[in-house]
Protein backbone atom coordinates (compact mmCIF):
# COMPACT_ATOMS: atom_id res chain seq x y z
CA MET A 1 0.21 4.89 17.68
CA GLY A 2 1.75 4.51 14.33
CA TRP A 3 1.23 2.35 11.18
CA ARG A 4 2.39 -0.89 13.13
CA ASP A 5 -0.57 -0.44 15.33
CA TRP A 6 -3.00 -0.24 12.43
CA ILE A 7 -1.74 -3.15 10.78
CA PHE A 8 -1.21 -5.43 13.80
CA GLY A 9 -4.62 -4.43 15.18
CA ALA A 10 -3.82 -2.33 18.21
CA ARG A 11 -5.65 0.32 16.36
CA GLN A 12 -8.68 -0.16 13.95
CA ALA A 13 -8.56 1.51 10.89
CA PRO A 14 -11.61 3.94 10.41
CA ALA A 15 -14.28 1.94 8.18
CA ARG A 16 -14.01 4.83 5.49
CA ALA A 17 -10.81 5.96 4.15
CA PHE A 18 -9.95 8.98 1.83
CA MET A 19 -10.00 7.70 -1.61
CA LEU A 20 -7.29 9.19 -3.92
CA PRO A 21 -9.18 9.71 -7.45
CA PRO A 22 -8.16 7.51 -10.19
CA GLY A 23 -5.53 8.65 -12.35
CA ALA A 24 -4.67 7.14 -15.61
CA GLY A 25 -4.38 3.68 -15.03
CA PHE A 26 -1.96 2.09 -12.58
CA THR A 27 0.77 4.53 -12.82
CA PHE A 28 3.68 3.25 -10.73
CA ASP A 29 5.03 -0.14 -9.30
CA VAL A 30 5.33 -0.98 -5.47
CA VAL A 31 8.90 -1.81 -4.45
CA GLY A 32 10.01 -4.16 -1.79
CA GLU A 33 7.22 -6.43 -2.52
CA LEU A 34 9.84 -9.32 -2.44
CA ARG A 35 9.93 -9.05 1.46
CA PHE A 36 5.98 -9.36 1.49
CA GLN A 37 5.43 -12.50 -0.90
CA ALA A 38 3.68 -14.52 1.87
CA ASN A 39 1.45 -11.87 2.29
CA LEU A 40 0.73 -11.44 -1.58
CA ASP A 41 0.09 -15.10 -1.65
CA ARG A 42 -2.50 -14.91 1.16
CA ILE A 43 -4.22 -12.29 -0.54
CA CYS A 44 -4.07 -13.69 -4.02
CA GLY A 45 -4.48 -17.62 -3.00
CA GLY A 46 -1.18 -18.69 -3.70
CA LYS A 47 0.90 -19.14 -6.85
CA CYS A 48 -0.83 -20.41 -10.29
CA GLU A 49 0.06 -21.25 -13.80
CA ASP A 50 -1.40 -18.05 -15.34
CA GLY A 51 -0.74 -15.47 -12.33
CA TYR A 52 -3.03 -12.77 -11.20
CA ASN A 53 -3.99 -9.61 -12.71
CA LEU A 54 -6.27 -8.66 -9.34
CA GLU A 55 -7.85 -5.43 -8.65
CA VAL A 56 -7.73 -4.50 -5.06
CA THR A 57 -8.14 -1.37 -2.56
CA ALA A 58 -4.64 -0.71 -1.35
CA HIS A 59 -4.11 1.61 1.83
CA PHE A 60 -1.25 3.86 2.36
CA ALA A 61 0.36 4.44 5.99
CA PHE A 62 2.97 7.03 6.47
CA ARG A 63 6.30 5.51 8.01
CA ASP A 64 7.24 8.50 10.08
CA ASP A 65 10.14 6.26 11.76
CA ASP A 66 12.13 5.17 8.78
CA PRO A 67 15.56 6.44 8.90
CA GLU A 68 16.41 5.97 5.37
CA ASP A 69 13.33 7.69 3.85
CA PRO A 70 11.63 10.03 6.13
CA ASP A 71 8.79 10.37 3.67
CA SER A 72 8.13 6.50 3.33
CA ILE A 73 4.92 5.10 2.63
CA ILE A 74 3.79 1.64 3.39
CA VAL A 75 1.16 0.08 1.27
CA VAL A 76 -1.23 -2.28 2.87
CA ILE A 77 -3.99 -4.69 1.31
CA HIS A 78 -6.42 -6.44 3.34
CA GLY A 79 -4.48 -5.34 6.38
CA MET A 80 -1.14 -6.65 5.48
CA PRO A 81 2.05 -5.02 4.31
CA VAL A 82 2.76 -5.66 0.47
CA GLY A 83 5.36 -3.22 -0.13
CA TYR A 84 6.35 0.54 -0.29
CA ILE A 85 5.88 3.64 -2.64
CA PRO A 86 9.16 4.18 -4.54
CA THR A 87 11.45 6.49 -2.67
CA ASP A 88 11.64 8.71 -5.61
CA TYR A 89 8.01 9.57 -5.50
CA SER A 90 7.08 9.07 -1.80
CA ALA A 91 7.65 12.70 -1.06
CA HIS A 92 5.67 14.07 -3.73
CA LEU A 93 2.70 11.72 -3.10
CA ARG A 94 2.86 12.46 1.03
CA ARG A 95 2.83 16.42 0.30
CA GLY A 96 0.00 15.82 -2.31
CA ILE A 97 -2.01 13.42 0.42
CA LEU A 98 -1.72 16.03 2.93
CA ARG A 99 -2.78 18.77 0.89
CA ALA A 100 -6.11 16.94 -0.06
CA ASN A 101 -6.17 15.30 3.44
CA PRO A 102 -4.91 17.24 6.21
CA GLU A 103 -6.83 15.34 8.99
CA ARG A 104 -4.49 12.48 7.97
CA GLN A 105 -7.67 9.88 7.76
CA PRO A 106 -6.60 6.47 6.34
CA VAL A 107 -5.60 6.99 2.56
CA ALA A 108 -6.78 4.30 -0.11
CA CYS A 109 -6.88 4.01 -4.04
CA ARG A 110 -7.27 1.21 -6.58
CA ALA A 111 -4.39 -1.06 -7.11
CA LYS A 112 -3.90 -3.94 -8.97
CA ILE A 113 -1.57 -7.03 -8.20
CA VAL A 114 -0.10 -8.55 -11.11
CA GLY A 115 2.34 -11.67 -11.11
CA GLY A 116 2.07 -14.84 -8.84
CA TRP A 117 2.60 -17.52 -11.53
CA TYR A 118 5.00 -20.36 -11.42
CA ARG A 119 8.20 -19.99 -12.81
């Protein structure tokens, strides 16, 4: 079973995830989030005048089946995909995760959703 099974409910994520230690703030942006705006709206409650600066827990899932990026990592919040780790960082992050977490438990970290204002 792959990441889609976990996201869409065929496989339940374990209650406890391997938490990445906090770094020096929120150090990179997620990419591809335009594709997942409906999910971000559901998580945040829709668009608003002032936008959002919402801290959440994000989970990572390896996308071993991505022909364009064999090191692809999808970002999931509240069980919904919201974007991807940037390609130029995903291989490095994946190696670090596997070194610290060879059992390949679900991985999570603190994250921040910024945006969602009316334009």
